[in-house]
Amino acid sequence: MSMMKRIGMIFRAKASKALDKAEDPRETLDYSYQRQVEMLTKVRRGVADVATSRKRVELQVNQLNQQSDKLTEQAKKALSMDREDLAREALTRKSGVQSQITDLQAQHAQLQAEEEKLTLASQRLQAKVEAFRTKKETIKATYTAAEAQTRINEAFSGISEEMGDVGMAIQRAEDKTQQMQARAGAIDELISSGALEDSSSLGGGDDISRELESMSSQSEVDSELAALKAQTTPEVAGSQTAALGQGSGEAAAPAASPAAEESAQPEGQGGAQS
């Protein structure tokens, strides 16, 4: 196979594939139906033309019959007037007219047969066109339903172009969300481990400094709390003593006796010892 033949074959194959892709079966069926209707119209016109010719022949035959009858009357009249020559001439012309009538009748029969043949063909073609139209509409409806079902299936399966774009957009959004979550978790771990500083914390510094500062602050709080307790304890004791002094003497006596006993006890003990 030569190079030119191969190029030609490749070009025809690609052209055929492009035409198949661009072809819509519904449009092709509509075009075929239109061509058949045009053909049926031509056949009907042919039938009308043949019928017109047949009718014209009939008119000519009628005219020739009238002419033949007239020539017959003229021949009779010529014989009644002893004009045999005129009668002969009239009959001669009548013979010619009869010959034309015979030819026209033959043409009329031929045209009538042709008309019947065309009429039958027209009826058959019309029935065929009607059947093709019904089949065409059925095929178009089936093709439309199959096309819609195909698009629905492609949409559900996600292999259509539009749904494919939507699926890819969802996949990209999920990937970005996972990426941001992973980055946020990694930054939290780095801040917790001290590898990164928390710029929003007060005082700044690393985690050790923050813990020492927290411990120092807690120690200061404990020291201040102890000082406050030491200041408030004598006042509480003094207030309690004043309250006891303002009470009943019976209540004050037992309170003073232990102190007197404690002050007197060393003297007694000292006298005994002395």
Foldseek 3Di string as FASTA:
>chain_A
DDPVVVVVVVVVVVVVVVCVVPDDVLVVLVVVLVVLVVVLVVLVVVLVVLVVVLVVLVVLLVVLVVLLVVLCVQLVVCVVVVNNVSNVVSVVVSVVSVVVSVVSVVVSVVSVVVSVVSVVVSVVSVVVSVVSVVVSVVVVVVVVVVVVVVVVVCCVVQVDPVSVVVVVVVVVVVVVVVVVVVVVVVVVVCCVVFVDWDPPDPPTDTPVVVVVVVVVVVVVVVVVVVVVCVVVVVVVVVVVVVVQVPDDPVSVVVVVVVVVCVVCVVVVVVVVVD
